[in-house]
Amino acid sequence: MSEDVKGEKINIFKIGDLWCFKYFFGDRELFDGLSEYYNRPKYRFELKDEGERSKVTSYLKENGFDTVTIEDTAEYTVKIDRFKKYAPILRNSIDSSEGEKERVFIMKDLASVEEAVDRGAEKV
């Protein structure tokens, strides 16, 4: 287990029928252990059911991470005008959608919510 991740928290969100999380693993071996769940176009890990979530949670725990499951994403959701710069917000989001007038993002953690608000987004 890597000492630099001991106790680090990863939020696992319920989004539609999937459980999703976003985390940059500096350790290639750790990433490789989860690579089958990685959705490269969305830059996130996706777990299809309770079995996969349980398996991944155990793997993360064995490697020094704490996991938190989040079913109500309201506290992590922000929006920004569709025509404002959003790339820095997208980088820390776990999911996004685009409406006629705004983009809505579910952020990977509360620190990312605050950063998005500092960049002009507002909490939903």
C-alpha atoms as a PDB file:
ATOM      1  CA  MET A   1       0.000   0.000   0.000  1.00  0.00           C
ATOM      2  CA  SER A   2       1.279   3.421  -0.924  1.00  0.00           C
ATOM      3  CA  GLU A   3       1.680   5.718   2.082  1.00  0.00           C
ATOM      4  CA  ASP A   4       0.758   8.826   0.085  1.00  0.00           C
ATOM      5  CA  VAL A   5      -2.856   7.675  -0.434  1.00  0.00           C
ATOM      6  CA  LYS A   6      -3.562   6.313   3.055  1.00  0.00           C
ATOM      7  CA  GLY A   7      -7.026   7.467   4.047  1.00  0.00           C
ATOM      8  CA  GLU A   8      -7.590   9.478   0.883  1.00  0.00           C
ATOM      9  CA  LYS A   9     -11.313   9.666   0.111  1.00  0.00           C
ATOM     10  CA  ILE A  10     -12.953   8.714  -3.184  1.00  0.00           C
ATOM     11  CA  ASN A  11     -16.623   9.573  -3.729  1.00  0.00           C
ATOM     12  CA  ILE A  12     -18.592   6.984  -5.711  1.00  0.00           C
ATOM     13  CA  PHE A  13     -21.740   8.528  -7.205  1.00  0.00           C
ATOM     14  CA  LYS A  14     -24.996   6.900  -8.298  1.00  0.00           C
ATOM     15  CA  ILE A  15     -25.634   8.378 -11.757  1.00  0.00           C
ATOM     16  CA  GLY A  16     -28.528   6.757 -13.591  1.00  0.00           C
ATOM     17  CA  ASP A  17     -27.951   2.992 -13.499  1.00  0.00           C
ATOM     18  CA  LEU A  18     -24.210   3.331 -12.894  1.00  0.00           C
ATOM     19  CA  TRP A  19     -21.924   3.945  -9.947  1.00  0.00           C
ATOM     20  CA  CYS A  20     -19.156   6.321 -11.063  1.00  0.00           C
ATOM     21  CA  PHE A  21     -16.016   7.881  -9.665  1.00  0.00           C
ATOM     22  CA  LYS A  22     -13.148   9.989 -10.917  1.00  0.00           C
ATOM     23  CA  TYR A  23      -9.653   9.768  -9.522  1.00  0.00           C
ATOM     24  CA  PHE A  24      -6.170  10.152 -10.961  1.00  0.00           C
ATOM     25  CA  PHE A  25      -4.054   7.219  -9.821  1.00  0.00           C
ATOM     26  CA  GLY A  26      -0.398   8.213  -9.938  1.00  0.00           C
ATOM     27  CA  ASP A  27       0.455   4.551  -9.397  1.00  0.00           C
ATOM     28  CA  ARG A  28       0.098   2.682 -12.713  1.00  0.00           C
ATOM     29  CA  GLU A  29      -0.347  -0.643 -10.921  1.00  0.00           C
ATOM     30  CA  LEU A  30      -3.342   0.706  -8.975  1.00  0.00           C
ATOM     31  CA  PHE A  31      -4.906   2.035 -12.175  1.00  0.00           C
ATOM     32  CA  ASP A  32      -4.294  -1.262 -13.988  1.00  0.00           C
ATOM     33  CA  GLY A  33      -6.221  -3.079 -11.255  1.00  0.00           C
ATOM     34  CA  LEU A  34      -9.272  -0.959 -12.123  1.00  0.00           C
ATOM     35  CA  SER A  35      -8.737  -0.379 -15.853  1.00  0.00           C
ATOM     36  CA  GLU A  36     -11.574  -2.696 -16.928  1.00  0.00           C
ATOM     37  CA  TYR A  37     -14.003  -0.196 -15.346  1.00  0.00           C
ATOM     38  CA  TYR A  38     -12.475   2.901 -16.918  1.00  0.00           C
ATOM     39  CA  ASN A  39     -14.542   4.804 -19.490  1.00  0.00           C
ATOM     40  CA  ARG A  40     -11.842   6.719 -21.348  1.00  0.00           C
ATOM     41  CA  PRO A  41     -14.159   9.110 -23.286  1.00  0.00           C
ATOM     42  CA  LYS A  42     -15.791  10.225 -20.011  1.00  0.00           C
ATOM     43  CA  TYR A  43     -12.564  10.101 -17.942  1.00  0.00           C
ATOM     44  CA  ARG A  44     -14.270   8.154 -15.182  1.00  0.00           C
ATOM     45  CA  PHE A  45     -14.664   4.697 -13.711  1.00  0.00           C
ATOM     46  CA  GLU A  46     -18.097   3.093 -14.144  1.00  0.00           C
ATOM     47  CA  LEU A  47     -19.507   0.223 -12.123  1.00  0.00           C
ATOM     48  CA  LYS A  48     -22.634  -1.476 -13.489  1.00  0.00           C
ATOM     49  CA  ASP A  49     -23.989  -3.115 -10.328  1.00  0.00           C
ATOM     50  CA  GLU A  50     -23.588  -3.760  -6.603  1.00  0.00           C
ATOM     51  CA  GLY A  51     -21.185  -6.643  -7.269  1.00  0.00           C
ATOM     52  CA  GLU A  52     -18.767  -4.461  -9.232  1.00  0.00           C
ATOM     53  CA  ARG A  53     -19.101  -1.648  -6.700  1.00  0.00           C
ATOM     54  CA  SER A  54     -18.365  -4.039  -3.833  1.00  0.00           C
ATOM     55  CA  LYS A  55     -15.342  -5.509  -5.638  1.00  0.00           C
ATOM     56  CA  VAL A  56     -13.886  -2.076  -6.471  1.00  0.00           C
ATOM     57  CA  THR A  57     -14.593  -0.677  -2.992  1.00  0.00           C
ATOM     58  CA  SER A  58     -12.718  -3.620  -1.453  1.00  0.00           C
ATOM     59  CA  TYR A  59      -9.801  -3.123  -3.869  1.00  0.00           C
ATOM     60  CA  LEU A  60      -9.615   0.574  -3.039  1.00  0.00           C
ATOM     61  CA  LYS A  61      -9.818  -0.104   0.700  1.00  0.00           C
ATOM     62  CA  GLU A  62      -7.003  -2.682   0.441  1.00  0.00           C
ATOM     63  CA  ASN A  63      -4.914   0.014  -1.222  1.00  0.00           C
ATOM     64  CA  GLY A  64      -5.472   2.634   1.463  1.00  0.00           C
ATOM     65  CA  PHE A  65      -8.469   4.571   0.150  1.00  0.00           C
ATOM     66  CA  ASP A  66     -11.694   5.388   1.958  1.00  0.00           C
ATOM     67  CA  THR A  67     -14.792   5.345  -0.238  1.00  0.00           C
ATOM     68  CA  VAL A  68     -18.045   7.224   0.212  1.00  0.00           C
ATOM     69  CA  THR A  69     -21.154   6.258  -1.750  1.00  0.00           C
ATOM     70  CA  ILE A  70     -23.346   9.183  -2.770  1.00  0.00           C
ATOM     71  CA  GLU A  71     -26.840   8.640  -4.116  1.00  0.00           C
ATOM     72  CA  ASP A  72     -28.116  12.222  -3.817  1.00  0.00           C
ATOM     73  CA  THR A  73     -25.869  14.364  -6.008  1.00  0.00           C
ATOM     74  CA  ALA A  74     -27.613  17.697  -5.239  1.00  0.00           C
ATOM     75  CA  GLU A  75     -24.820  18.972  -2.980  1.00  0.00           C
ATOM     76  CA  TYR A  76     -22.277  18.277  -5.765  1.00  0.00           C
ATOM     77  CA  THR A  77     -24.223  19.855  -8.652  1.00  0.00           C
ATOM     78  CA  VAL A  78     -23.407  23.218 -10.223  1.00  0.00           C
ATOM     79  CA  LYS A  79     -24.483  25.046 -13.357  1.00  0.00           C
ATOM     80  CA  ILE A  80     -22.927  27.669 -15.576  1.00  0.00           C
ATOM     81  CA  ASP A  81     -24.159  29.688 -18.528  1.00  0.00           C
ATOM     82  CA  ARG A  82     -23.719  27.630 -21.685  1.00  0.00           C
ATOM     83  CA  PHE A  83     -21.560  30.264 -23.327  1.00  0.00           C
ATOM     84  CA  LYS A  84     -19.110  30.831 -20.453  1.00  0.00           C
ATOM     85  CA  LYS A  85     -15.755  29.070 -20.224  1.00  0.00           C
ATOM     86  CA  TYR A  86     -16.310  25.683 -18.621  1.00  0.00           C
ATOM     87  CA  ALA A  87     -13.202  23.553 -19.364  1.00  0.00           C
ATOM     88  CA  PRO A  88     -11.686  23.980 -15.855  1.00  0.00           C
ATOM     89  CA  ILE A  89     -15.029  22.932 -14.330  1.00  0.00           C
ATOM     90  CA  LEU A  90     -15.411  19.958 -16.673  1.00  0.00           C
ATOM     91  CA  ARG A  91     -11.993  18.657 -15.601  1.00  0.00           C
ATOM     92  CA  ASN A  92     -13.217  18.038 -12.032  1.00  0.00           C
ATOM     93  CA  SER A  93     -16.725  16.877 -12.905  1.00  0.00           C
ATOM     94  CA  ILE A  94     -17.947  13.297 -12.812  1.00  0.00           C
ATOM     95  CA  ASP A  95     -20.867  13.965 -15.175  1.00  0.00           C
ATOM     96  CA  SER A  96     -22.258  16.827 -17.240  1.00  0.00           C
ATOM     97  CA  SER A  97     -25.246  17.728 -19.359  1.00  0.00           C
ATOM     98  CA  GLU A  98     -26.011  20.615 -21.650  1.00  0.00           C
ATOM     99  CA  GLY A  99     -29.286  22.487 -21.809  1.00  0.00           C
ATOM    100  CA  GLU A 100     -30.438  25.286 -24.034  1.00  0.00           C
ATOM    101  CA  LYS A 101     -29.080  27.995 -21.722  1.00  0.00           C
ATOM    102  CA  GLU A 102     -26.728  26.243 -19.292  1.00  0.00           C
ATOM    103  CA  ARG A 103     -24.373  23.364 -18.621  1.00  0.00           C
ATOM    104  CA  VAL A 104     -24.888  21.296 -15.481  1.00  0.00           C
ATOM    105  CA  PHE A 105     -22.038  19.436 -13.798  1.00  0.00           C
ATOM    106  CA  ILE A 106     -21.843  16.907 -10.979  1.00  0.00           C
ATOM    107  CA  MET A 107     -18.504  17.581  -9.326  1.00  0.00           C
ATOM    108  CA  LYS A 108     -16.230  14.835  -7.961  1.00  0.00           C
ATOM    109  CA  ASP A 109     -15.976  16.362  -4.470  1.00  0.00           C
ATOM    110  CA  LEU A 110     -16.990  19.412  -2.445  1.00  0.00           C
ATOM    111  CA  ALA A 111     -13.653  21.155  -3.007  1.00  0.00           C
ATOM    112  CA  SER A 112     -14.372  20.979  -6.755  1.00  0.00           C
ATOM    113  CA  VAL A 113     -17.831  22.479  -6.130  1.00  0.00           C
ATOM    114  CA  GLU A 114     -16.223  25.458  -4.384  1.00  0.00           C
ATOM    115  CA  GLU A 115     -13.652  25.840  -7.146  1.00  0.00           C
ATOM    116  CA  ALA A 116     -16.433  25.787  -9.783  1.00  0.00           C
ATOM    117  CA  VAL A 117     -18.353  28.474  -7.871  1.00  0.00           C
ATOM    118  CA  ASP A 118     -15.163  30.572  -7.734  1.00  0.00           C
ATOM    119  CA  ARG A 119     -14.987  30.203 -11.541  1.00  0.00           C
ATOM    120  CA  GLY A 120     -18.508  31.560 -12.054  1.00  0.00           C
ATOM    121  CA  ALA A 121     -20.737  28.502 -11.638  1.00  0.00           C
ATOM    122  CA  GLU A 122     -23.613  28.453  -9.191  1.00  0.00           C
ATOM    123  CA  LYS A 123     -24.941  25.656  -7.030  1.00  0.00           C
ATOM    124  CA  VAL A 124     -28.130  24.100  -8.349  1.00  0.00           C
END
